[in-house]
C-alpha atoms as a PDB file:
ATOM      1  CA  MET A   1      76.390 105.796  94.694  1.00  0.00           C
ATOM      2  CA  ARG A   2      74.091 103.240  96.277  1.00  0.00           C
ATOM      3  CA  THR A   3      72.526  99.995  95.063  1.00  0.00           C
ATOM      4  CA  ARG A   4      68.847  99.220  95.593  1.00  0.00           C
ATOM      5  CA  ALA A   5      69.832  96.868  98.413  1.00  0.00           C
ATOM      6  CA  GLY A   6      71.611  99.718 100.194  1.00  0.00           C
ATOM      7  CA  ILE A   7      75.284  99.099  99.369  1.00  0.00           C
ATOM      8  CA  GLU A   8      77.206 102.367  99.227  1.00  0.00           C
ATOM      9  CA  TYR A   9      80.094 102.513  96.778  1.00  0.00           C
ATOM     10  CA  ARG A  10      82.489 104.836  94.980  1.00  0.00           C
ATOM     11  CA  SER A  11      83.439 104.306  91.374  1.00  0.00           C
ATOM     12  CA  GLY A  12      85.496 105.713  88.530  1.00  0.00           C
ATOM     13  CA  GLY A  13      87.099 104.910  85.225  1.00  0.00           C
ATOM     14  CA  SER A  14      85.155 103.646  82.240  1.00  0.00           C
ATOM     15  CA  GLY A  15      84.549 100.515  80.230  1.00  0.00           C
ATOM     16  CA  GLY A  16      83.219  97.040  80.868  1.00  0.00           C
ATOM     17  CA  ASP A  17      86.334  95.669  82.593  1.00  0.00           C
ATOM     18  CA  LEU A  18      85.549  96.361  86.240  1.00  0.00           C
ATOM     19  CA  LEU A  19      87.974  96.135  89.152  1.00  0.00           C
ATOM     20  CA  LEU A  20      86.139  95.509  92.439  1.00  0.00           C
ATOM     21  CA  LEU A  21      88.087  96.406  95.578  1.00  0.00           C
ATOM     22  CA  LEU A  22      86.671  94.628  98.638  1.00  0.00           C
ATOM     23  CA  HIS A  23      87.787  95.568 102.144  1.00  0.00           C
ATOM     24  CA  GLY A  24      88.211  93.297 105.143  1.00  0.00           C
ATOM     25  CA  LEU A  25      85.975  92.613 108.125  1.00  0.00           C
ATOM     26  CA  GLY A  26      85.676  95.685 110.334  1.00  0.00           C
ATOM     27  CA  ALA A  27      87.067  98.115 107.739  1.00  0.00           C
ATOM     28  CA  THR A  28      85.434 100.312 105.078  1.00  0.00           C
ATOM     29  CA  GLY A  29      86.172 101.053 101.448  1.00  0.00           C
ATOM     30  CA  ALA A  30      88.315 103.982 102.612  1.00  0.00           C
ATOM     31  CA  VAL A  31      91.192 101.564 103.314  1.00  0.00           C
ATOM     32  CA  TRP A  32      91.855 101.530  99.556  1.00  0.00           C
ATOM     33  CA  ASP A  33      92.574 105.279  99.456  1.00  0.00           C
ATOM     34  CA  ARG A  34      96.370 104.868  99.273  1.00  0.00           C
ATOM     35  CA  LEU A  35      96.025 102.336  96.473  1.00  0.00           C
ATOM     36  CA  LEU A  36      93.359 104.060  94.365  1.00  0.00           C
ATOM     37  CA  PRO A  37      95.663 106.635  92.732  1.00  0.00           C
ATOM     38  CA  LEU A  38      97.751 103.728  91.425  1.00  0.00           C
ATOM     39  CA  VAL A  39      94.616 102.024  90.113  1.00  0.00           C
ATOM     40  CA  GLU A  40      93.480 105.196  88.389  1.00  0.00           C
ATOM     41  CA  ARG A  41      96.820 105.452  86.593  1.00  0.00           C
ATOM     42  CA  SER A  42      97.197 101.811  85.600  1.00  0.00           C
ATOM     43  CA  TRP A  43      93.827 100.038  85.451  1.00  0.00           C
ATOM     44  CA  PRO A  44      92.480 100.039  81.861  1.00  0.00           C
ATOM     45  CA  GLY A  45      88.771  99.898  82.740  1.00  0.00           C
ATOM     46  CA  SER A  46      86.440 100.999  85.500  1.00  0.00           C
ATOM     47  CA  TRP A  47      86.656 100.426  89.264  1.00  0.00           C
ATOM     48  CA  ALA A  48      84.296 100.320  92.226  1.00  0.00           C
ATOM     49  CA  VAL A  49      84.932 100.400  95.976  1.00  0.00           C
ATOM     50  CA  PRO A  50      81.921  99.357  98.089  1.00  0.00           C
ATOM     51  CA  ASP A  51      81.386  99.392 101.817  1.00  0.00           C
ATOM     52  CA  LEU A  52      80.308  95.833 102.530  1.00  0.00           C
ATOM     53  CA  ARG A  53      76.964  95.221 104.199  1.00  0.00           C
ATOM     54  CA  GLY A  54      77.092  96.238 107.865  1.00  0.00           C
ATOM     55  CA  HIS A  55      80.145  98.443 107.320  1.00  0.00           C
ATOM     56  CA  GLY A  56      80.652 102.145 106.717  1.00  0.00           C
ATOM     57  CA  ARG A  57      77.714 103.828 104.983  1.00  0.00           C
ATOM     58  CA  SER A  58      76.065 100.649 103.696  1.00  0.00           C
ATOM     59  CA  VAL A  59      72.909  99.063 105.041  1.00  0.00           C
ATOM     60  CA  ALA A  60      73.333  97.366 108.416  1.00  0.00           C
ATOM     61  CA  GLU A  61      70.889  94.488 108.086  1.00  0.00           C
ATOM     62  CA  PRO A  62      71.567  90.736 108.339  1.00  0.00           C
ATOM     63  CA  PRO A  63      72.142  88.136 107.066  1.00  0.00           C
ATOM     64  CA  TYR A  64      75.895  88.626 106.794  1.00  0.00           C
ATOM     65  CA  GLY A  65      77.111  85.364 105.282  1.00  0.00           C
ATOM     66  CA  TYR A  66      79.637  85.247 102.450  1.00  0.00           C
ATOM     67  CA  ALA A  67      76.928  84.508  99.887  1.00  0.00           C
ATOM     68  CA  VAL A  68      74.935  87.630 100.820  1.00  0.00           C
ATOM     69  CA  HIS A  69      78.020  89.831 100.543  1.00  0.00           C
ATOM     70  CA  ALA A  70      78.805  88.266  97.160  1.00  0.00           C
ATOM     71  CA  ALA A  71      75.268  89.009  95.951  1.00  0.00           C
ATOM     72  CA  ASP A  72      75.654  92.596  97.168  1.00  0.00           C
ATOM     73  CA  VAL A  73      78.850  93.184  95.206  1.00  0.00           C
ATOM     74  CA  ALA A  74      77.384  91.426  92.167  1.00  0.00           C
ATOM     75  CA  ALA A  75      74.737  94.158  92.239  1.00  0.00           C
ATOM     76  CA  VAL A  76      77.502  96.769  92.271  1.00  0.00           C
ATOM     77  CA  ALA A  77      78.984  95.143  89.154  1.00  0.00           C
ATOM     78  CA  ALA A  78      75.557  95.228  87.501  1.00  0.00           C
ATOM     79  CA  ASP A  79      75.144  98.902  88.432  1.00  0.00           C
ATOM     80  CA  ARG A  80      78.434  99.638  86.685  1.00  0.00           C
ATOM     81  CA  GLY A  81      77.439  97.690  83.569  1.00  0.00           C
ATOM     82  CA  ALA A  82      80.433  95.377  83.943  1.00  0.00           C
ATOM     83  CA  THR A  83      81.024  92.697  81.327  1.00  0.00           C
ATOM     84  CA  ARG A  84      84.155  91.295  83.047  1.00  0.00           C
ATOM     85  CA  VAL A  85      85.143  91.595  86.706  1.00  0.00           C
ATOM     86  CA  THR A  86      88.497  91.361  88.443  1.00  0.00           C
ATOM     87  CA  VAL A  87      88.415  91.282  92.237  1.00  0.00           C
ATOM     88  CA  LEU A  88      91.096  92.624  94.547  1.00  0.00           C
ATOM     89  CA  GLY A  89      90.052  91.693  98.066  1.00  0.00           C
ATOM     90  CA  HIS A  90      91.647  92.063 101.455  1.00  0.00           C
ATOM     91  CA  SER A  91      91.165  89.383 104.118  1.00  0.00           C
ATOM     92  CA  PHE A  92      87.393  88.823 104.446  1.00  0.00           C
ATOM     93  CA  GLY A  93      86.904  90.710 101.162  1.00  0.00           C
ATOM     94  CA  GLY A  94      89.165  88.214  99.416  1.00  0.00           C
ATOM     95  CA  VAL A  95      86.918  85.363 100.532  1.00  0.00           C
ATOM     96  CA  VAL A  96      83.852  87.276  99.304  1.00  0.00           C
ATOM     97  CA  GLY A  97      85.616  87.688  95.962  1.00  0.00           C
ATOM     98  CA  ALA A  98      86.230  83.946  95.731  1.00  0.00           C
ATOM     99  CA  VAL A  99      82.543  83.277  96.417  1.00  0.00           C
ATOM    100  CA  LEU A 100      81.585  85.794  93.719  1.00  0.00           C
ATOM    101  CA  ALA A 101      83.848  83.822  91.359  1.00  0.00           C
ATOM    102  CA  GLY A 102      81.977  80.597  92.055  1.00  0.00           C
ATOM    103  CA  GLY A 103      79.700  81.073  89.058  1.00  0.00           C
ATOM    104  CA  TRP A 104      76.402  81.544  90.927  1.00  0.00           C
ATOM    105  CA  TYR A 105      75.816  85.293  90.572  1.00  0.00           C
ATOM    106  CA  GLY A 106      75.645  85.967  86.844  1.00  0.00           C
ATOM    107  CA  VAL A 107      78.958  87.835  86.974  1.00  0.00           C
ATOM    108  CA  ASP A 108      81.883  86.968  84.706  1.00  0.00           C
ATOM    109  CA  VAL A 109      84.778  87.018  87.183  1.00  0.00           C
ATOM    110  CA  VAL A 110      88.034  86.621  85.289  1.00  0.00           C
ATOM    111  CA  ARG A 111      90.481  86.827  88.204  1.00  0.00           C
ATOM    112  CA  VAL A 112      90.614  87.144  91.988  1.00  0.00           C
ATOM    113  CA  VAL A 113      93.593  88.527  93.884  1.00  0.00           C
ATOM    114  CA  ALA A 114      93.166  88.007  97.623  1.00  0.00           C
ATOM    115  CA  VAL A 115      95.596  89.557 100.100  1.00  0.00           C
ATOM    116  CA  GLY A 116      95.868  88.599 103.765  1.00  0.00           C
ATOM    117  CA  VAL A 117      93.167  85.914 103.850  1.00  0.00           C
ATOM    118  CA  LYS A 118      93.221  83.992 107.124  1.00  0.00           C
ATOM    119  CA  ILE A 119      92.852  80.361 106.055  1.00  0.00           C
ATOM    120  CA  ASP A 120      93.263  78.395 109.284  1.00  0.00           C
ATOM    121  CA  TRP A 121      90.860  79.149 112.144  1.00  0.00           C
ATOM    122  CA  THR A 122      90.890  77.448 115.525  1.00  0.00           C
ATOM    123  CA  ASP A 123      87.676  76.612 117.339  1.00  0.00           C
ATOM    124  CA  ASP A 124      88.522  79.290 119.910  1.00  0.00           C
ATOM    125  CA  GLU A 125      88.958  81.944 117.199  1.00  0.00           C
ATOM    126  CA  VAL A 126      85.605  81.082 115.640  1.00  0.00           C
ATOM    127  CA  ALA A 127      83.977  81.182 119.087  1.00  0.00           C
ATOM    128  CA  ARG A 128      85.479  84.624 119.797  1.00  0.00           C
ATOM    129  CA  ALA A 129      84.186  85.987 116.495  1.00  0.00           C
ATOM    130  CA  ARG A 130      80.711  84.679 117.210  1.00  0.00           C
ATOM    131  CA  SER A 131      80.896  86.189 120.693  1.00  0.00           C
ATOM    132  CA  LEU A 132      81.647  89.575 119.137  1.00  0.00           C
ATOM    133  CA  ALA A 133      78.619  89.129 116.890  1.00  0.00           C
ATOM    134  CA  GLY A 134      76.405  88.979 119.975  1.00  0.00           C
ATOM    135  CA  ARG A 135      77.638  92.187 121.595  1.00  0.00           C
ATOM    136  CA  PRO A 136      75.932  95.564 121.171  1.00  0.00           C
ATOM    137  CA  PRO A 137      78.043  98.290 119.542  1.00  0.00           C
ATOM    138  CA  GLN A 138      79.986 100.511 121.910  1.00  0.00           C
ATOM    139  CA  VAL A 139      78.827 104.137 121.960  1.00  0.00           C
ATOM    140  CA  PHE A 140      81.467 106.800 122.667  1.00  0.00           C
ATOM    141  CA  PRO A 141      81.039 110.462 123.604  1.00  0.00           C
ATOM    142  CA  THR A 142      83.363 111.666 120.845  1.00  0.00           C
ATOM    143  CA  ALA A 143      83.986 110.818 117.215  1.00  0.00           C
ATOM    144  CA  ALA A 144      87.723 110.536 117.961  1.00  0.00           C
ATOM    145  CA  GLU A 145      87.114 107.676 120.411  1.00  0.00           C
ATOM    146  CA  ALA A 146      84.833 105.912 117.943  1.00  0.00           C
ATOM    147  CA  ALA A 147      87.480 106.348 115.209  1.00  0.00           C
ATOM    148  CA  ALA A 148      90.090 104.748 117.459  1.00  0.00           C
ATOM    149  CA  ARG A 149      87.727 101.816 118.041  1.00  0.00           C
ATOM    150  CA  HIS A 150      87.136 101.494 114.300  1.00  0.00           C
ATOM    151  CA  LEU A 151      90.874 101.343 113.640  1.00  0.00           C
ATOM    152  CA  ARG A 152      91.296  98.601 116.247  1.00  0.00           C
ATOM    153  CA  LEU A 153      88.503  96.552 114.676  1.00  0.00           C
ATOM    154  CA  ALA A 154      90.023  97.018 111.215  1.00  0.00           C
ATOM    155  CA  GLY A 155      93.559  96.196 112.388  1.00  0.00           C
ATOM    156  CA  LEU A 156      94.765  99.651 111.344  1.00  0.00           C
ATOM    157  CA  THR A 157      95.891 101.051 114.695  1.00  0.00           C
ATOM    158  CA  GLY A 158      99.347 102.573 114.260  1.00  0.00           C
ATOM    159  CA  LEU A 159      98.998 102.667 110.475  1.00  0.00           C
ATOM    160  CA  VAL A 160      96.227 105.237 109.992  1.00  0.00           C
ATOM    161  CA  ASP A 161      95.924 108.639 111.680  1.00  0.00           C
ATOM    162  CA  PRO A 162      92.817 108.501 113.956  1.00  0.00           C
ATOM    163  CA  ALA A 163      91.927 112.041 112.853  1.00  0.00           C
ATOM    164  CA  SER A 164      92.106 111.249 109.122  1.00  0.00           C
ATOM    165  CA  GLU A 165      89.187 110.924 106.737  1.00  0.00           C
ATOM    166  CA  VAL A 166      90.004 107.228 106.393  1.00  0.00           C
ATOM    167  CA  ALA A 167      89.472 106.719 110.134  1.00  0.00           C
ATOM    168  CA  LEU A 168      86.374 108.919 110.322  1.00  0.00           C
ATOM    169  CA  ALA A 169      84.808 106.996 107.418  1.00  0.00           C
ATOM    170  CA  GLY A 170      84.384 104.212 109.979  1.00  0.00           C
ATOM    171  CA  VAL A 171      82.335 106.324 112.409  1.00  0.00           C
ATOM    172  CA  ARG A 172      78.572 106.754 112.746  1.00  0.00           C
ATOM    173  CA  GLU A 173      76.455 108.926 115.033  1.00  0.00           C
ATOM    174  CA  ALA A 174      74.375 106.741 117.347  1.00  0.00           C
ATOM    175  CA  GLY A 175      72.548 106.955 120.666  1.00  0.00           C
ATOM    176  CA  GLY A 176      73.545 110.550 121.338  1.00  0.00           C
ATOM    177  CA  GLY A 177      77.192 109.749 120.673  1.00  0.00           C
ATOM    178  CA  PHE A 178      79.381 107.971 118.159  1.00  0.00           C
ATOM    179  CA  THR A 179      80.112 104.363 117.312  1.00  0.00           C
ATOM    180  CA  ALA A 180      82.304 102.433 114.915  1.00  0.00           C
ATOM    181  CA  ALA A 181      80.470 102.047 111.610  1.00  0.00           C
ATOM    182  CA  LEU A 182      80.282  98.289 111.924  1.00  0.00           C
ATOM    183  CA  ASP A 183      77.321  96.116 112.841  1.00  0.00           C
ATOM    184  CA  PRO A 184      78.883  93.595 115.260  1.00  0.00           C
ATOM    185  CA  ARG A 185      76.560  90.932 113.859  1.00  0.00           C
ATOM    186  CA  ALA A 186      78.789  90.938 110.760  1.00  0.00           C
ATOM    187  CA  PHE A 187      81.276  88.807 112.727  1.00  0.00           C
ATOM    188  CA  GLY A 188      78.718  86.006 112.516  1.00  0.00           C
ATOM    189  CA  ALA A 189      79.935  85.276 108.971  1.00  0.00           C
ATOM    190  CA  VAL A 190      83.026  83.585 110.421  1.00  0.00           C
ATOM    191  CA  GLY A 191      82.813  79.799 110.552  1.00  0.00           C
ATOM    192  CA  PRO A 192      82.690  78.106 107.126  1.00  0.00           C
ATOM    193  CA  PRO A 193      86.069  76.490 106.253  1.00  0.00           C
ATOM    194  CA  VAL A 194      87.933  79.192 104.346  1.00  0.00           C
ATOM    195  CA  GLU A 195      90.129  76.788 102.391  1.00  0.00           C
ATOM    196  CA  GLU A 196      87.051  75.032 101.036  1.00  0.00           C
ATOM    197  CA  VAL A 197      85.370  78.321 100.153  1.00  0.00           C
ATOM    198  CA  LEU A 198      88.441  79.555  98.271  1.00  0.00           C
ATOM    199  CA  SER A 199      88.797  76.285  96.378  1.00  0.00           C
ATOM    200  CA  ARG A 200      85.345  76.721  94.832  1.00  0.00           C
ATOM    201  CA  ALA A 201      86.362  79.809  92.854  1.00  0.00           C
ATOM    202  CA  GLU A 202      86.136  79.060  89.140  1.00  0.00           C
ATOM    203  CA  ALA A 203      88.295  82.023  88.155  1.00  0.00           C
ATOM    204  CA  PRO A 204      92.078  82.029  88.582  1.00  0.00           C
ATOM    205  CA  LEU A 205      92.898  82.867  92.212  1.00  0.00           C
ATOM    206  CA  ARG A 206      96.138  84.468  93.403  1.00  0.00           C
ATOM    207  CA  LEU A 207      96.811  84.564  97.165  1.00  0.00           C
ATOM    208  CA  ALA A 208      99.308  86.922  98.757  1.00  0.00           C
ATOM    209  CA  ALA A 209     100.123  88.196 102.225  1.00  0.00           C
ATOM    210  CA  GLY A 210     102.564  90.450 103.972  1.00  0.00           C
ATOM    211  CA  ALA A 211     105.645  88.562 105.107  1.00  0.00           C
ATOM    212  CA  ALA A 212     104.976  89.858 108.640  1.00  0.00           C
ATOM    213  CA  ASP A 213     101.258  89.025 108.611  1.00  0.00           C
ATOM    214  CA  PRO A 214     100.573  87.076 111.822  1.00  0.00           C
ATOM    215  CA  MET A 215      97.291  85.709 110.463  1.00  0.00           C
ATOM    216  CA  VAL A 216      98.483  83.718 107.441  1.00  0.00           C
ATOM    217  CA  GLY A 217     101.645  82.044 106.225  1.00  0.00           C
ATOM    218  CA  LEU A 218     102.966  80.883 102.874  1.00  0.00           C
ATOM    219  CA  ASP A 219     102.418  77.173 103.543  1.00  0.00           C
ATOM    220  CA  ALA A 220      98.717  77.696 104.295  1.00  0.00           C
ATOM    221  CA  MET A 221      98.205  79.823 101.183  1.00  0.00           C
ATOM    222  CA  ARG A 222     100.002  77.352  98.943  1.00  0.00           C
ATOM    223  CA  ARG A 223      97.574  74.598  99.899  1.00  0.00           C
ATOM    224  CA  VAL A 224      95.080  76.628  97.834  1.00  0.00           C
ATOM    225  CA  ASP A 225      97.331  78.530  95.424  1.00  0.00           C
ATOM    226  CA  PRO A 226     100.731  76.928  94.678  1.00  0.00           C
ATOM    227  CA  GLY A 227     101.875  80.277  93.281  1.00  0.00           C
ATOM    228  CA  ALA A 228     101.000  82.267  96.411  1.00  0.00           C
ATOM    229  CA  VAL A 229     103.482  85.000  97.318  1.00  0.00           C
ATOM    230  CA  LEU A 230     104.716  86.963 100.317  1.00  0.00           C
ATOM    231  CA  LEU A 231     105.144  90.741 100.191  1.00  0.00           C
ATOM    232  CA  GLU A 232     108.200  91.935 102.101  1.00  0.00           C
ATOM    233  CA  ASP A 233     107.992  94.740 104.675  1.00  0.00           C
ATOM    234  CA  ALA A 234     104.246  94.343 105.086  1.00  0.00           C
ATOM    235  CA  GLY A 235     101.902  92.924 107.702  1.00  0.00           C
ATOM    236  CA  HIS A 236      98.208  92.119 107.524  1.00  0.00           C
ATOM    237  CA  ASN A 237      97.240  95.355 105.756  1.00  0.00           C
ATOM    238  CA  ALA A 238      99.640  95.053 102.825  1.00  0.00           C
ATOM    239  CA  HIS A 239      97.263  97.023 100.596  1.00  0.00           C
ATOM    240  CA  TRP A 240      97.830 100.024 102.883  1.00  0.00           C
ATOM    241  CA  GLU A 241     101.506  99.410 103.667  1.00  0.00           C
ATOM    242  CA  ARG A 242     102.717  98.374 100.188  1.00  0.00           C
ATOM    243  CA  PRO A 243     100.036  99.509  97.716  1.00  0.00           C
ATOM    244  CA  ASP A 244     102.436  99.472  94.770  1.00  0.00           C
ATOM    245  CA  GLU A 245     103.288  95.802  95.301  1.00  0.00           C
ATOM    246  CA  VAL A 246      99.622  94.888  95.697  1.00  0.00           C
ATOM    247  CA  VAL A 247      98.643  96.676  92.485  1.00  0.00           C
ATOM    248  CA  ALA A 248     101.490  94.867  90.722  1.00  0.00           C
ATOM    249  CA  LEU A 249      99.734  91.573  91.533  1.00  0.00           C
ATOM    250  CA  LEU A 250      96.963  92.619  89.145  1.00  0.00           C
ATOM    251  CA  ARG A 251      99.424  92.533  86.243  1.00  0.00           C
END
């Protein structure tokens, strides 16, 4: 399915209680494929998995700020006829979920669960992200090479088979070859203080991260959510590595 603004999404279930699953920067909605069967068995309402703007099969047009992404997923909720929305977001998607819960989009967000959100950014890290935003996409002669690039950008190298449908969902044909299905300009969203953005969510916010996630620690998360938790035997992509534990956070 596709919204009028060009956001591609998958959906299922029924009812007004919508679960939005929002992927991280550089990934696509396919990263939820290991978790979706658990959602389909346990979630009592409907669900939707979009590709965020500039990712996967969605429109690749700026601007790419958090507020634009939040407006895009609000349109997905409207498409699904949602009366109440719960957000499960990974990394960048968790921040988008918190923005959606700020009360500005006409969406009744009742809870946000954000996994692997990087809260503390150094000036050098912000500068590197903005540098990536200014680079043209790399074009590869084969889809396999573009899939490998996609997995590196999404932090999924070593976790996802480069020949799988999940990896190939992050590939586009371009310039006589293949490229990762990511508009590099999307990295330009990095910069606003994440802790401040998260704190503006009006809905209850639960933060979690893999215990081996190098991007975020418990102390940083608990500055925002005193009840934040670590998930053992997981790194940055806990939703892929420990989908059962991530789904349990929704309960």
